[in-house]
Amino acid sequence: MEMTQRMENETLVVSLAGRLDAVSAPALDKQVPTLMEAAAKRIVLDLARLEYISSAGLRSVLALAKVAKAKGAILALAGLQDMVKEVFHISGFDRLLPIHDSVKTALAGD
């Protein structure tokens, strides 16, 4: 998994690419404190280049969402590919987290 981050309009945009699974999820977990330090009140996970997510990856996203909520920040997801979107739907995560078609719409708050 490849992870990059940037600030855009006072929102931390974290882009994930590749696979978020049992092998790569610990790398995201390890970055959560750093991400929270960099975040203002909003984080957008850009998943447009994420090809696969496992239950371990879902757990990492949920952990990030819980930490964000505890810090008073909002976590939103953007750009999910069909397979990743289906996993979020089947798991019910699509009812827990706001999902946007793109980072642009997430930043606009649509």
Protein backbone atom coordinates (compact mmCIF):
# COMPACT_ATOMS: atom_id res chain seq x y z
CA MET A 1 0.00 0.00 0.00
CA GLU A 2 1.16 3.49 -0.83
CA MET A 3 0.02 6.40 1.34
CA THR A 4 0.41 10.12 0.69
CA GLN A 5 -1.08 13.09 2.45
CA ARG A 6 -1.66 16.76 1.73
CA MET A 7 -3.59 19.67 3.20
CA GLU A 8 -6.32 21.13 1.03
CA ASN A 9 -8.71 23.83 2.21
CA GLU A 10 -7.95 23.06 5.86
CA THR A 11 -8.73 19.38 5.26
CA LEU A 12 -6.18 16.59 5.51
CA VAL A 13 -6.47 14.44 2.37
CA VAL A 14 -4.90 11.00 2.79
CA SER A 15 -4.59 9.02 -0.44
CA LEU A 16 -4.24 5.24 -0.30
CA ALA A 17 -3.20 3.13 -3.29
CA GLY A 18 -2.84 -0.61 -3.78
CA ARG A 19 -4.14 -3.05 -1.17
CA LEU A 20 -5.23 -2.38 2.40
CA ASP A 21 -5.07 -5.82 3.97
CA ALA A 22 -3.54 -7.70 6.91
CA VAL A 23 -0.04 -7.00 5.58
CA SER A 24 -0.44 -3.26 4.97
CA ALA A 25 -3.09 -2.26 7.56
CA PRO A 26 -0.52 -2.03 10.40
CA ALA A 27 1.26 0.71 8.44
CA LEU A 28 -1.95 2.77 8.42
CA ASP A 29 -2.54 2.02 12.10
CA LYS A 30 0.97 3.23 12.90
CA GLN A 31 0.31 6.53 11.07
CA VAL A 32 -2.95 7.36 12.91
CA PRO A 33 -1.30 9.52 15.62
CA THR A 34 0.69 11.42 12.99
CA LEU A 35 -2.41 11.91 10.84
CA MET A 36 -4.36 13.23 13.80
CA GLU A 37 -1.60 15.72 14.60
CA ALA A 38 -1.69 17.00 11.02
CA ALA A 39 -5.48 17.05 10.76
CA ALA A 40 -7.58 20.05 11.49
CA LYS A 41 -11.25 19.22 11.87
CA ARG A 42 -11.65 17.09 8.76
CA ILE A 43 -9.92 14.13 7.11
CA VAL A 44 -10.76 12.76 3.67
CA LEU A 45 -9.50 9.28 2.79
CA ASP A 46 -9.00 9.29 -0.98
CA LEU A 47 -9.49 5.65 -1.98
CA ALA A 48 -9.63 6.19 -5.76
CA ARG A 49 -6.45 4.14 -6.22
CA LEU A 50 -7.21 1.52 -3.56
CA GLU A 51 -7.73 -1.77 -5.41
CA TYR A 52 -8.61 -4.04 -2.47
CA ILE A 53 -9.59 -3.81 1.19
CA SER A 54 -9.84 -6.73 3.62
CA SER A 55 -11.44 -6.96 7.04
CA ALA A 56 -8.10 -5.88 8.53
CA GLY A 57 -8.22 -2.79 6.33
CA LEU A 58 -11.79 -2.07 7.40
CA ARG A 59 -10.69 -2.33 11.02
CA SER A 60 -7.95 0.25 10.38
CA VAL A 61 -10.42 2.65 8.75
CA LEU A 62 -12.81 2.20 11.68
CA ALA A 63 -9.98 2.80 14.17
CA LEU A 64 -9.06 6.02 12.34
CA ALA A 65 -12.72 7.10 12.39
CA LYS A 66 -12.97 6.47 16.15
CA VAL A 67 -9.80 8.43 16.90
CA ALA A 68 -10.95 11.27 14.62
CA LYS A 69 -14.32 11.41 16.36
CA ALA A 70 -12.67 11.46 19.78
CA LYS A 71 -10.55 14.42 18.63
CA GLY A 72 -13.62 16.25 17.26
CA ALA A 73 -12.69 15.64 13.61
CA ILE A 74 -14.79 14.20 10.81
CA LEU A 75 -13.58 11.36 8.59
CA ALA A 76 -15.02 11.05 5.09
CA LEU A 77 -14.21 8.60 2.30
CA ALA A 78 -13.90 9.51 -1.37
CA GLY A 79 -13.51 7.90 -4.77
CA LEU A 80 -14.16 4.26 -3.88
CA GLN A 81 -13.69 1.80 -6.74
CA ASP A 82 -16.56 -0.66 -7.26
CA MET A 83 -14.95 -3.60 -5.44
CA VAL A 84 -13.96 -1.46 -2.46
CA LYS A 85 -17.38 0.22 -2.42
CA GLU A 86 -19.04 -3.21 -2.33
CA VAL A 87 -16.96 -4.24 0.70
CA PHE A 88 -17.98 -1.06 2.52
CA HIS A 89 -21.62 -1.73 1.62
CA ILE A 90 -21.62 -5.41 2.65
CA SER A 91 -19.91 -4.58 5.95
CA GLY A 92 -22.33 -1.73 6.69
CA PHE A 93 -19.51 0.80 6.88
CA ASP A 94 -21.27 2.86 4.23
CA ARG A 95 -23.85 3.71 6.91
CA LEU A 96 -21.17 4.70 9.44
CA LEU A 97 -19.01 7.00 7.33
CA PRO A 98 -19.86 9.60 4.70
CA ILE A 99 -18.84 8.40 1.24
CA HIS A 100 -18.33 10.82 -1.65
CA ASP A 101 -17.77 10.20 -5.35
CA SER A 102 -14.55 12.21 -5.37
CA VAL A 103 -12.23 14.24 -3.19
CA LYS A 104 -13.64 17.34 -4.86
CA THR A 105 -17.19 16.56 -3.70
CA ALA A 106 -15.93 15.56 -0.26
CA LEU A 107 -14.16 18.90 0.11
CA ALA A 108 -17.31 20.69 -1.05
CA GLY A 109 -19.29 18.82 1.57
CA ASP A 110 -21.84 17.45 -0.92
